[in-house]
Amino acid sequence: MRRRVLAVCCIGVLLAGGVVLLQSAPQAVAQDVKTSGVNIDIWDYCDPASFNAAFNDPTICRRSTVNGAITFGGFIAEVTADQSAGAWRFAPNQLAVRQGTVLQLHNRGGETHTFTQVKRFGGGFIDLLNQLSGTPTPAPECLLPPGDDNQFIDAGMTVSHPLGKDDVVVNYQCCIHPWMHLTITSKNTNPQPIN
């Protein structure tokens, strides 16, 4: 009898802990970040052999394929079908942070990506990917030269990006892969769901 009571108590504690974890899980609206530095991971899953061959350039994709990869043909097929490639992304893609936060941008993929502040999401500077992703008109900021608000981040690089003190809602995209989006809302405002 004593073992049964102990087992019921243990199950009760585990269930209560699960409820607390579920209640404290991040909301779909935005991630609330309380630190002064925030990590943003930039991902892709390019296959070096097929991507480099497609462009006749050995530097297009530089990553290990130990965990697998997506061929260039598979990438184009996915973008054609879905208007994006799921493995090409910013993670997280929504944040609520304090003004003046410094973002640490980690390119964990094999390709170069841009981290470009845009007023509105649009296409990038590669016409084929713009057409396939359904964003034929480039965001004007994607046509500007590299700079503080249009950073090019090579594979394996980490770059710091301070947010402006007056920024309230800021949109970033990759101007090479235009479906890669990040929206940052100031923690000092009331975050709204992003559609």
N, C-alpha and C. Protein backbone atom coordinates (compact mmCIF):
# COMPACT_ATOMS: atom_id res chain seq x y z
N MET A 1 0.82 -1.19 0.00
CA MET A 1 0.00 0.00 0.00
C MET A 1 0.87 1.26 0.00
N ARG A 2 1.96 1.18 0.78
CA ARG A 2 2.84 2.34 0.88
C ARG A 2 3.48 2.66 -0.49
N ARG A 3 3.86 1.62 -1.25
CA ARG A 3 4.44 1.83 -2.59
C ARG A 3 3.42 2.47 -3.53
N ARG A 4 2.16 2.03 -3.44
CA ARG A 4 1.12 2.59 -4.30
C ARG A 4 0.93 4.08 -4.00
N VAL A 5 0.90 4.46 -2.73
CA VAL A 5 0.75 5.87 -2.33
C VAL A 5 1.95 6.67 -2.83
N LEU A 6 3.16 6.11 -2.68
CA LEU A 6 4.36 6.78 -3.16
C LEU A 6 4.32 6.97 -4.68
N ALA A 7 3.89 5.93 -5.41
CA ALA A 7 3.79 6.03 -6.87
C ALA A 7 2.78 7.09 -7.28
N VAL A 8 1.63 7.14 -6.62
CA VAL A 8 0.60 8.16 -6.93
C VAL A 8 1.14 9.55 -6.65
N CYS A 9 1.87 9.72 -5.55
CA CYS A 9 2.46 11.02 -5.22
C CYS A 9 3.48 11.45 -6.28
N CYS A 10 4.32 10.50 -6.72
CA CYS A 10 5.33 10.81 -7.74
C CYS A 10 4.66 11.21 -9.05
N ILE A 11 3.63 10.50 -9.44
CA ILE A 11 2.91 10.83 -10.67
C ILE A 11 2.29 12.21 -10.55
N GLY A 12 1.73 12.51 -9.39
CA GLY A 12 1.12 13.83 -9.15
C GLY A 12 2.15 14.94 -9.28
N VAL A 13 3.34 14.73 -8.71
CA VAL A 13 4.40 15.74 -8.81
C VAL A 13 4.82 15.93 -10.27
N LEU A 14 4.98 14.84 -11.02
CA LEU A 14 5.36 14.93 -12.44
C LEU A 14 4.30 15.66 -13.25
N LEU A 15 3.04 15.36 -13.01
CA LEU A 15 1.96 16.05 -13.73
C LEU A 15 1.93 17.53 -13.39
N ALA A 16 2.08 17.86 -12.11
CA ALA A 16 2.08 19.27 -11.72
C ALA A 16 3.25 20.01 -12.36
N GLY A 17 4.43 19.35 -12.40
CA GLY A 17 5.58 19.96 -13.06
C GLY A 17 5.33 20.18 -14.53
N GLY A 18 4.66 19.23 -15.19
CA GLY A 18 4.34 19.38 -16.62
C GLY A 18 3.41 20.55 -16.86
N VAL A 19 2.43 20.74 -15.98
CA VAL A 19 1.50 21.87 -16.12
C VAL A 19 2.25 23.19 -15.98
N VAL A 20 3.16 23.27 -15.00
CA VAL A 20 3.94 24.49 -14.81
C VAL A 20 4.79 24.77 -16.05
N LEU A 21 5.43 23.72 -16.61
CA LEU A 21 6.24 23.91 -17.82
C LEU A 21 5.39 24.38 -18.99
N LEU A 22 4.22 23.80 -19.17
CA LEU A 22 3.35 24.22 -20.27
C LEU A 22 2.92 25.66 -20.11
N GLN A 23 2.62 26.08 -18.87
CA GLN A 23 2.18 27.45 -18.64
C GLN A 23 3.30 28.45 -18.87
N SER A 24 4.55 28.01 -18.68
CA SER A 24 5.67 28.93 -18.85
C SER A 24 6.30 28.85 -20.23
N ALA A 25 5.75 28.02 -21.12
CA ALA A 25 6.31 27.87 -22.47
C ALA A 25 6.17 29.17 -23.24
N PRO A 26 7.11 29.45 -24.16
CA PRO A 26 7.02 30.67 -24.96
C PRO A 26 5.73 30.71 -25.77
N GLN A 27 5.18 31.90 -25.90
CA GLN A 27 3.97 32.10 -26.68
C GLN A 27 4.30 32.18 -28.16
N ALA A 28 3.35 31.90 -29.02
CA ALA A 28 3.55 31.95 -30.47
C ALA A 28 3.70 33.39 -30.94
N VAL A 29 3.26 34.36 -30.13
CA VAL A 29 3.31 35.76 -30.55
C VAL A 29 4.75 36.23 -30.69
N ALA A 30 5.56 36.04 -29.66
CA ALA A 30 6.94 36.50 -29.70
C ALA A 30 7.70 35.89 -28.55
N GLN A 31 9.02 35.82 -28.72
CA GLN A 31 9.87 35.34 -27.64
C GLN A 31 10.26 36.55 -26.81
N ASP A 32 10.05 36.48 -25.49
CA ASP A 32 10.39 37.58 -24.60
C ASP A 32 11.82 37.37 -24.12
N VAL A 33 12.71 38.25 -24.51
CA VAL A 33 14.11 38.11 -24.16
C VAL A 33 14.47 39.20 -23.17
N LYS A 34 15.06 38.82 -22.04
CA LYS A 34 15.34 39.77 -20.98
C LYS A 34 16.82 40.12 -20.88
N THR A 35 17.65 39.55 -21.70
CA THR A 35 19.07 39.83 -21.61
C THR A 35 19.46 40.93 -22.58
N SER A 36 20.67 41.47 -22.42
CA SER A 36 21.12 42.54 -23.29
C SER A 36 21.67 42.01 -24.61
N GLY A 37 21.98 40.72 -24.68
CA GLY A 37 22.44 40.11 -25.92
C GLY A 37 21.54 38.95 -26.30
N VAL A 38 21.24 38.84 -27.58
CA VAL A 38 20.33 37.81 -28.06
C VAL A 38 20.99 37.09 -29.22
N ASN A 39 20.93 35.76 -29.21
CA ASN A 39 21.49 34.96 -30.30
C ASN A 39 20.45 34.73 -31.38
N ILE A 40 20.84 34.97 -32.61
CA ILE A 40 20.03 34.67 -33.79
C ILE A 40 20.85 33.68 -34.62
N ASP A 41 20.29 32.50 -34.85
CA ASP A 41 20.96 31.52 -35.68
C ASP A 41 20.44 31.63 -37.10
N ILE A 42 21.36 31.61 -38.04
CA ILE A 42 21.03 31.68 -39.47
C ILE A 42 21.35 30.30 -40.05
N TRP A 43 20.32 29.65 -40.59
CA TRP A 43 20.44 28.26 -41.01
C TRP A 43 20.23 28.07 -42.50
N ASP A 44 20.91 27.12 -43.05
CA ASP A 44 20.60 26.54 -44.35
C ASP A 44 21.12 25.11 -44.32
N TYR A 45 20.78 24.34 -45.31
CA TYR A 45 21.13 22.92 -45.32
C TYR A 45 21.68 22.54 -46.69
N CYS A 46 22.47 23.46 -47.26
CA CYS A 46 22.96 23.26 -48.62
C CYS A 46 23.93 22.08 -48.73
N ASP A 47 23.86 21.40 -49.85
CA ASP A 47 24.76 20.32 -50.19
C ASP A 47 25.92 20.91 -51.00
N PRO A 48 27.14 20.94 -50.47
CA PRO A 48 28.24 21.60 -51.18
C PRO A 48 28.46 21.11 -52.60
N ALA A 49 28.41 19.80 -52.82
CA ALA A 49 28.71 19.28 -54.16
C ALA A 49 27.74 19.83 -55.21
N SER A 50 26.44 19.73 -54.94
CA SER A 50 25.47 20.15 -55.97
C SER A 50 25.33 21.67 -56.06
N PHE A 51 25.39 22.39 -54.94
CA PHE A 51 25.29 23.86 -54.99
C PHE A 51 26.51 24.45 -55.69
N ASN A 52 27.69 23.98 -55.33
CA ASN A 52 28.90 24.51 -55.95
C ASN A 52 28.97 24.18 -57.43
N ALA A 53 28.50 22.99 -57.82
CA ALA A 53 28.48 22.61 -59.23
C ALA A 53 27.47 23.47 -60.01
N ALA A 54 26.32 23.76 -59.40
CA ALA A 54 25.28 24.55 -60.08
C ALA A 54 25.79 25.94 -60.43
N PHE A 55 26.69 26.48 -59.61
CA PHE A 55 27.20 27.84 -59.85
C PHE A 55 28.64 27.84 -60.34
N ASN A 56 29.21 26.63 -60.53
CA ASN A 56 30.61 26.51 -60.93
C ASN A 56 31.51 27.36 -60.04
N ASP A 57 31.25 27.29 -58.72
CA ASP A 57 31.98 28.09 -57.74
C ASP A 57 32.13 27.26 -56.46
N PRO A 58 33.36 26.94 -56.07
CA PRO A 58 33.56 26.08 -54.90
C PRO A 58 33.28 26.76 -53.57
N THR A 59 32.91 28.03 -53.60
CA THR A 59 32.68 28.76 -52.34
C THR A 59 31.21 29.04 -52.06
N ILE A 60 30.30 28.61 -52.92
CA ILE A 60 28.87 28.89 -52.71
C ILE A 60 28.37 28.23 -51.44
N CYS A 61 28.70 26.97 -51.23
CA CYS A 61 28.26 26.24 -50.04
C CYS A 61 29.47 25.60 -49.38
N ARG A 62 29.70 25.94 -48.11
CA ARG A 62 30.84 25.41 -47.36
C ARG A 62 30.33 24.92 -46.00
N ARG A 63 29.94 23.64 -45.97
CA ARG A 63 29.48 23.07 -44.70
C ARG A 63 29.68 21.58 -44.70
N SER A 64 29.72 21.03 -43.50
CA SER A 64 29.82 19.58 -43.34
C SER A 64 28.46 18.96 -43.68
N THR A 65 28.50 17.81 -44.30
CA THR A 65 27.25 17.11 -44.61
C THR A 65 27.08 15.87 -43.74
N VAL A 66 27.77 15.84 -42.60
CA VAL A 66 27.67 14.70 -41.69
C VAL A 66 26.21 14.45 -41.31
N ASN A 67 25.47 15.51 -41.07
CA ASN A 67 24.06 15.39 -40.68
C ASN A 67 23.12 15.44 -41.88
N GLY A 68 23.66 15.31 -43.09
CA GLY A 68 22.83 15.33 -44.28
C GLY A 68 22.81 16.70 -44.93
N ALA A 69 22.14 16.78 -46.06
CA ALA A 69 22.08 18.03 -46.81
C ALA A 69 20.95 17.95 -47.82
N ILE A 70 20.61 19.11 -48.36
CA ILE A 70 19.60 19.20 -49.42
C ILE A 70 20.33 19.59 -50.70
N THR A 71 20.13 18.82 -51.75
CA THR A 71 20.79 19.12 -53.03
C THR A 71 20.20 20.40 -53.63
N PHE A 72 20.93 20.97 -54.57
CA PHE A 72 20.45 22.18 -55.23
C PHE A 72 19.11 21.91 -55.93
N GLY A 73 19.00 20.76 -56.59
CA GLY A 73 17.73 20.40 -57.25
C GLY A 73 16.59 20.27 -56.25
N GLY A 74 16.85 19.66 -55.10
CA GLY A 74 15.84 19.55 -54.05
C GLY A 74 15.45 20.89 -53.49
N PHE A 75 16.43 21.78 -53.32
CA PHE A 75 16.18 23.14 -52.85
C PHE A 75 15.25 23.88 -53.81
N ILE A 76 15.57 23.85 -55.11
CA ILE A 76 14.75 24.54 -56.11
C ILE A 76 13.34 23.93 -56.15
N ALA A 77 13.24 22.62 -56.06
CA ALA A 77 11.93 21.96 -56.07
C ALA A 77 11.09 22.40 -54.86
N GLU A 78 11.71 22.50 -53.68
CA GLU A 78 10.97 22.92 -52.50
C GLU A 78 10.53 24.38 -52.59
N VAL A 79 11.40 25.26 -53.06
CA VAL A 79 11.03 26.67 -53.21
C VAL A 79 9.93 26.81 -54.26
N THR A 80 9.99 26.02 -55.32
CA THR A 80 8.95 26.05 -56.35
C THR A 80 7.61 25.61 -55.77
N ALA A 81 7.61 24.57 -54.96
CA ALA A 81 6.36 24.03 -54.41
C ALA A 81 5.82 24.87 -53.26
N ASP A 82 6.71 25.37 -52.38
CA ASP A 82 6.27 26.01 -51.14
C ASP A 82 6.55 27.50 -51.04
N GLN A 83 7.23 28.07 -52.02
CA GLN A 83 7.68 29.46 -52.02
C GLN A 83 8.68 29.74 -50.91
N SER A 84 9.29 28.70 -50.37
CA SER A 84 10.36 28.82 -49.38
C SER A 84 11.03 27.47 -49.23
N ALA A 85 12.18 27.47 -48.57
CA ALA A 85 12.85 26.22 -48.20
C ALA A 85 12.98 26.26 -46.68
N GLY A 86 12.29 25.35 -46.01
CA GLY A 86 12.18 25.40 -44.56
C GLY A 86 13.49 25.40 -43.80
N ALA A 87 14.52 24.76 -44.34
CA ALA A 87 15.79 24.70 -43.64
C ALA A 87 16.59 26.00 -43.77
N TRP A 88 16.17 26.89 -44.65
CA TRP A 88 16.80 28.20 -44.82
C TRP A 88 15.97 29.18 -43.99
N ARG A 89 16.50 29.58 -42.81
CA ARG A 89 15.67 30.37 -41.89
C ARG A 89 16.52 31.11 -40.86
N PHE A 90 15.89 32.11 -40.24
CA PHE A 90 16.41 32.75 -39.04
C PHE A 90 15.71 32.07 -37.86
N ALA A 91 16.46 31.77 -36.81
CA ALA A 91 15.86 31.15 -35.63
C ALA A 91 16.34 31.89 -34.38
N PRO A 92 15.42 32.48 -33.64
CA PRO A 92 13.98 32.50 -33.86
C PRO A 92 13.63 33.47 -34.98
N ASN A 93 12.34 33.48 -35.36
CA ASN A 93 11.92 34.41 -36.41
C ASN A 93 11.04 35.55 -35.86
N GLN A 94 10.79 35.54 -34.56
CA GLN A 94 10.08 36.63 -33.88
C GLN A 94 10.68 36.81 -32.49
N LEU A 95 10.85 38.06 -32.09
CA LEU A 95 11.42 38.38 -30.78
C LEU A 95 10.75 39.61 -30.20
N ALA A 96 10.69 39.68 -28.89
CA ALA A 96 10.37 40.91 -28.18
C ALA A 96 11.57 41.19 -27.29
N VAL A 97 12.25 42.29 -27.52
CA VAL A 97 13.48 42.61 -26.79
C VAL A 97 13.45 44.06 -26.33
N ARG A 98 14.33 44.38 -25.40
CA ARG A 98 14.47 45.77 -24.95
C ARG A 98 15.20 46.57 -26.02
N GLN A 99 14.87 47.85 -26.10
CA GLN A 99 15.55 48.72 -27.05
C GLN A 99 17.04 48.75 -26.73
N GLY A 100 17.86 48.79 -27.75
CA GLY A 100 19.30 48.83 -27.58
C GLY A 100 19.95 47.46 -27.43
N THR A 101 19.17 46.39 -27.55
CA THR A 101 19.71 45.03 -27.45
C THR A 101 20.72 44.79 -28.57
N VAL A 102 21.75 44.02 -28.28
CA VAL A 102 22.73 43.64 -29.29
C VAL A 102 22.42 42.22 -29.74
N LEU A 103 22.21 42.04 -31.02
CA LEU A 103 21.98 40.71 -31.59
C LEU A 103 23.31 40.08 -31.95
N GLN A 104 23.47 38.81 -31.62
CA GLN A 104 24.63 38.05 -32.04
C GLN A 104 24.16 37.12 -33.16
N LEU A 105 24.58 37.42 -34.37
CA LEU A 105 24.14 36.69 -35.56
C LEU A 105 25.15 35.58 -35.86
N HIS A 106 24.70 34.33 -35.79
CA HIS A 106 25.57 33.18 -36.02
C HIS A 106 25.14 32.48 -37.31
N ASN A 107 25.98 32.53 -38.34
CA ASN A 107 25.67 31.82 -39.57
C ASN A 107 26.10 30.37 -39.38
N ARG A 108 25.13 29.50 -39.15
CA ARG A 108 25.39 28.09 -38.88
C ARG A 108 25.24 27.24 -40.13
N GLY A 109 24.94 27.88 -41.26
CA GLY A 109 24.78 27.16 -42.51
C GLY A 109 26.05 27.17 -43.32
N GLY A 110 25.91 26.87 -44.60
CA GLY A 110 27.07 26.81 -45.48
C GLY A 110 27.13 27.92 -46.50
N GLU A 111 26.07 28.71 -46.60
CA GLU A 111 26.02 29.78 -47.59
C GLU A 111 26.16 31.14 -46.94
N THR A 112 26.47 32.15 -47.75
CA THR A 112 26.42 33.53 -47.29
C THR A 112 24.95 33.94 -47.22
N HIS A 113 24.60 34.68 -46.19
CA HIS A 113 23.26 35.23 -46.03
C HIS A 113 23.38 36.71 -45.73
N THR A 114 22.32 37.46 -46.01
CA THR A 114 22.32 38.84 -45.57
C THR A 114 21.37 38.97 -44.39
N PHE A 115 21.63 39.97 -43.57
CA PHE A 115 20.75 40.34 -42.47
C PHE A 115 20.45 41.80 -42.73
N THR A 116 19.31 42.03 -43.39
CA THR A 116 19.00 43.34 -43.93
C THR A 116 17.74 43.90 -43.29
N GLN A 117 17.85 45.11 -42.73
CA GLN A 117 16.68 45.76 -42.16
C GLN A 117 15.83 46.33 -43.29
N VAL A 118 14.55 45.94 -43.31
CA VAL A 118 13.65 46.39 -44.37
C VAL A 118 12.40 47.01 -43.75
N LYS A 119 11.84 47.97 -44.46
CA LYS A 119 10.58 48.56 -44.00
C LYS A 119 9.46 47.54 -44.18
N ARG A 120 9.42 46.91 -45.35
CA ARG A 120 8.45 45.85 -45.66
C ARG A 120 9.19 44.69 -46.32
N PHE A 121 8.76 43.48 -45.99
CA PHE A 121 9.37 42.32 -46.62
C PHE A 121 9.09 42.33 -48.12
N GLY A 122 10.08 41.92 -48.89
CA GLY A 122 9.93 41.86 -50.34
C GLY A 122 10.91 40.85 -50.89
N GLY A 123 11.19 40.99 -52.18
CA GLY A 123 12.17 40.12 -52.81
C GLY A 123 13.57 40.54 -52.45
N GLY A 124 14.52 39.75 -52.90
CA GLY A 124 15.93 40.07 -52.68
C GLY A 124 16.58 40.49 -53.98
N PHE A 125 17.85 40.14 -54.16
CA PHE A 125 18.54 40.55 -55.39
C PHE A 125 18.82 39.38 -56.33
N ILE A 126 18.21 38.22 -56.07
CA ILE A 126 18.34 37.09 -57.01
C ILE A 126 16.96 36.85 -57.62
N ASP A 127 16.83 37.24 -58.89
CA ASP A 127 15.53 37.24 -59.55
C ASP A 127 14.85 35.87 -59.52
N LEU A 128 15.59 34.80 -59.78
CA LEU A 128 14.97 33.47 -59.80
C LEU A 128 14.32 33.15 -58.45
N LEU A 129 15.04 33.39 -57.36
CA LEU A 129 14.47 33.10 -56.04
C LEU A 129 13.33 34.05 -55.70
N ASN A 130 13.38 35.29 -56.19
CA ASN A 130 12.25 36.21 -56.01
C ASN A 130 11.00 35.65 -56.68
N GLN A 131 11.15 35.20 -57.92
CA GLN A 131 10.00 34.67 -58.67
C GLN A 131 9.45 33.41 -58.00
N LEU A 132 10.34 32.48 -57.66
CA LEU A 132 9.89 31.22 -57.07
C LEU A 132 9.25 31.41 -55.69
N SER A 133 9.69 32.43 -54.95
CA SER A 133 9.16 32.65 -53.61
C SER A 133 7.93 33.56 -53.62
N GLY A 134 7.51 34.01 -54.78
CA GLY A 134 6.31 34.85 -54.87
C GLY A 134 6.54 36.29 -54.43
N THR A 135 7.80 36.72 -54.43
CA THR A 135 8.13 38.11 -54.07
C THR A 135 8.93 38.73 -55.21
N PRO A 136 8.25 39.00 -56.35
CA PRO A 136 8.99 39.46 -57.53
C PRO A 136 9.61 40.85 -57.39
N THR A 137 9.07 41.68 -56.50
CA THR A 137 9.59 43.03 -56.34
C THR A 137 10.56 43.08 -55.17
N PRO A 138 11.82 43.43 -55.43
CA PRO A 138 12.80 43.48 -54.35
C PRO A 138 12.45 44.54 -53.31
N ALA A 139 12.73 44.24 -52.05
CA ALA A 139 12.68 45.27 -51.02
C ALA A 139 13.76 46.29 -51.38
N PRO A 140 13.45 47.59 -51.36
CA PRO A 140 14.45 48.60 -51.78
C PRO A 140 15.77 48.49 -51.02
N GLU A 141 15.71 48.10 -49.76
CA GLU A 141 16.91 48.01 -48.94
C GLU A 141 17.85 46.90 -49.43
N CYS A 142 17.30 45.91 -50.12
CA CYS A 142 18.13 44.82 -50.64
C CYS A 142 19.00 45.26 -51.81
N LEU A 143 18.67 46.40 -52.39
CA LEU A 143 19.44 46.90 -53.53
C LEU A 143 20.54 47.87 -53.11
N LEU A 144 20.65 48.11 -51.78
CA LEU A 144 21.68 49.01 -51.27
C LEU A 144 23.00 48.26 -51.09
N PRO A 145 24.11 48.98 -51.09
CA PRO A 145 25.40 48.31 -50.85
C PRO A 145 25.47 47.78 -49.41
N PRO A 146 26.38 46.84 -49.15
CA PRO A 146 26.54 46.34 -47.79
C PRO A 146 26.82 47.48 -46.81
N GLY A 147 26.28 47.35 -45.61
CA GLY A 147 26.48 48.36 -44.57
C GLY A 147 25.89 47.87 -43.27
N ASP A 148 25.73 48.76 -42.31
CA ASP A 148 25.24 48.39 -40.98
C ASP A 148 23.85 47.77 -41.02
N ASP A 149 22.99 48.24 -41.93
CA ASP A 149 21.63 47.72 -42.03
C ASP A 149 21.46 46.70 -43.15
N ASN A 150 22.56 46.35 -43.82
CA ASN A 150 22.55 45.36 -44.90
C ASN A 150 23.84 44.56 -44.78
N GLN A 151 23.89 43.70 -43.75
CA GLN A 151 25.11 42.95 -43.46
C GLN A 151 25.15 41.64 -44.22
N PHE A 152 26.31 41.33 -44.79
CA PHE A 152 26.56 40.05 -45.45
C PHE A 152 27.33 39.18 -44.45
N ILE A 153 26.81 37.99 -44.17
CA ILE A 153 27.41 37.13 -43.15
C ILE A 153 27.79 35.80 -43.80
N ASP A 154 29.08 35.57 -43.92
CA ASP A 154 29.59 34.35 -44.54
C ASP A 154 29.37 33.14 -43.64
N ALA A 155 29.40 31.96 -44.23
CA ALA A 155 29.25 30.71 -43.49
C ALA A 155 30.24 30.66 -42.34
N GLY A 156 29.76 30.27 -41.17
CA GLY A 156 30.61 30.12 -40.00
C GLY A 156 30.91 31.40 -39.25
N MET A 157 30.49 32.54 -39.78
CA MET A 157 30.79 33.82 -39.12
C MET A 157 29.77 34.14 -38.02
N THR A 158 30.23 34.92 -37.04
CA THR A 158 29.36 35.52 -36.03
C THR A 158 29.58 37.01 -36.09
N VAL A 159 28.48 37.76 -36.15
CA VAL A 159 28.53 39.20 -36.28
C VAL A 159 27.61 39.81 -35.22
N SER A 160 28.06 40.91 -34.61
CA SER A 160 27.21 41.64 -33.66
C SER A 160 26.40 42.68 -34.42
N HIS A 161 25.14 42.84 -34.02
CA HIS A 161 24.26 43.81 -34.66
C HIS A 161 23.45 44.53 -33.57
N PRO A 162 23.85 45.76 -33.19
CA PRO A 162 23.09 46.48 -32.17
C PRO A 162 21.80 47.04 -32.75
N LEU A 163 20.71 46.89 -31.99
CA LEU A 163 19.45 47.50 -32.40
C LEU A 163 19.46 48.97 -31.99
N GLY A 164 18.82 49.80 -32.79
CA GLY A 164 18.74 51.22 -32.48
C GLY A 164 17.94 51.48 -31.21
N LYS A 165 18.24 52.57 -30.54
CA LYS A 165 17.54 52.91 -29.30
C LYS A 165 16.08 53.27 -29.54
N ASP A 166 15.76 53.74 -30.75
CA ASP A 166 14.39 54.17 -31.04
C ASP A 166 13.58 53.14 -31.80
N ASP A 167 14.18 51.99 -32.11
CA ASP A 167 13.46 50.98 -32.88
C ASP A 167 12.30 50.40 -32.07
N VAL A 168 11.12 50.32 -32.67
CA VAL A 168 9.94 49.74 -32.01
C VAL A 168 9.61 48.41 -32.65
N VAL A 169 9.38 48.39 -33.96
CA VAL A 169 9.19 47.15 -34.71
C VAL A 169 10.19 47.18 -35.86
N VAL A 170 11.00 46.14 -35.94
CA VAL A 170 12.04 46.09 -36.96
C VAL A 170 11.91 44.78 -37.72
N ASN A 171 11.95 44.86 -39.04
CA ASN A 171 11.90 43.68 -39.90
C ASN A 171 13.26 43.45 -40.53
N TYR A 172 13.69 42.20 -40.52
CA TYR A 172 14.93 41.82 -41.19
C TYR A 172 14.62 40.67 -42.15
N GLN A 173 15.35 40.63 -43.25
CA GLN A 173 15.24 39.51 -44.18
C GLN A 173 16.59 39.24 -44.78
N CYS A 174 16.70 38.06 -45.36
CA CYS A 174 17.88 37.73 -46.16
C CYS A 174 17.56 38.16 -47.58
N CYS A 175 18.43 38.94 -48.17
CA CYS A 175 18.20 39.43 -49.53
C CYS A 175 18.64 38.43 -50.60
N ILE A 176 19.18 37.30 -50.18
CA ILE A 176 19.48 36.22 -51.11
C ILE A 176 18.31 35.24 -51.11
N HIS A 177 17.84 34.88 -49.93
CA HIS A 177 16.73 33.94 -49.74
C HIS A 177 15.58 34.74 -49.11
N PRO A 178 14.72 35.38 -49.89
CA PRO A 178 13.81 36.41 -49.37
C PRO A 178 12.69 35.93 -48.45
N TRP A 179 12.52 34.63 -48.27
CA TRP A 179 11.52 34.13 -47.32
C TRP A 179 12.09 34.09 -45.91
N MET A 180 13.39 34.27 -45.76
CA MET A 180 14.00 34.26 -44.43
C MET A 180 13.69 35.59 -43.76
N HIS A 181 12.80 35.57 -42.77
CA HIS A 181 12.34 36.79 -42.10
C HIS A 181 12.58 36.73 -40.60
N LEU A 182 12.76 37.89 -40.01
CA LEU A 182 12.78 38.06 -38.55
C LEU A 182 12.08 39.37 -38.24
N THR A 183 11.13 39.34 -37.32
CA THR A 183 10.47 40.55 -36.85
C THR A 183 10.79 40.73 -35.37
N ILE A 184 11.29 41.91 -35.03
CA ILE A 184 11.63 42.23 -33.65
C ILE A 184 10.71 43.34 -33.17
N THR A 185 10.07 43.09 -32.03
CA THR A 185 9.18 44.07 -31.40
C THR A 185 9.85 44.53 -30.12
N SER A 186 9.78 45.81 -29.84
CA SER A 186 10.35 46.32 -28.61
C SER A 186 9.60 45.78 -27.41
N LYS A 187 10.33 45.34 -26.40
CA LYS A 187 9.71 44.85 -25.17
C LYS A 187 8.95 45.96 -24.48
N ASN A 188 9.27 47.21 -24.83
CA ASN A 188 8.61 48.36 -24.21
C ASN A 188 7.24 48.61 -24.82
N THR A 189 6.85 47.83 -25.84
CA THR A 189 5.53 47.97 -26.44
C THR A 189 4.73 46.72 -26.15
N ASN A 190 3.49 46.70 -26.59
CA ASN A 190 2.63 45.56 -26.39
C ASN A 190 2.67 44.70 -27.65
N PRO A 191 3.41 43.57 -27.65
CA PRO A 191 3.53 42.78 -28.89
C PRO A 191 2.18 42.27 -29.39
N GLN A 192 2.01 42.34 -30.68
CA GLN A 192 0.80 41.85 -31.33
C GLN A 192 1.16 40.65 -32.17
N PRO A 193 0.21 39.74 -32.37
CA PRO A 193 0.50 38.61 -33.27
C PRO A 193 0.89 39.11 -34.64
N ILE A 194 1.82 38.44 -35.25
CA ILE A 194 2.31 38.82 -36.58
C ILE A 194 1.73 37.85 -37.58
N ASN A 195 1.00 38.36 -38.56
CA ASN A 195 0.37 37.51 -39.56
C ASN A 195 1.22 37.41 -40.80
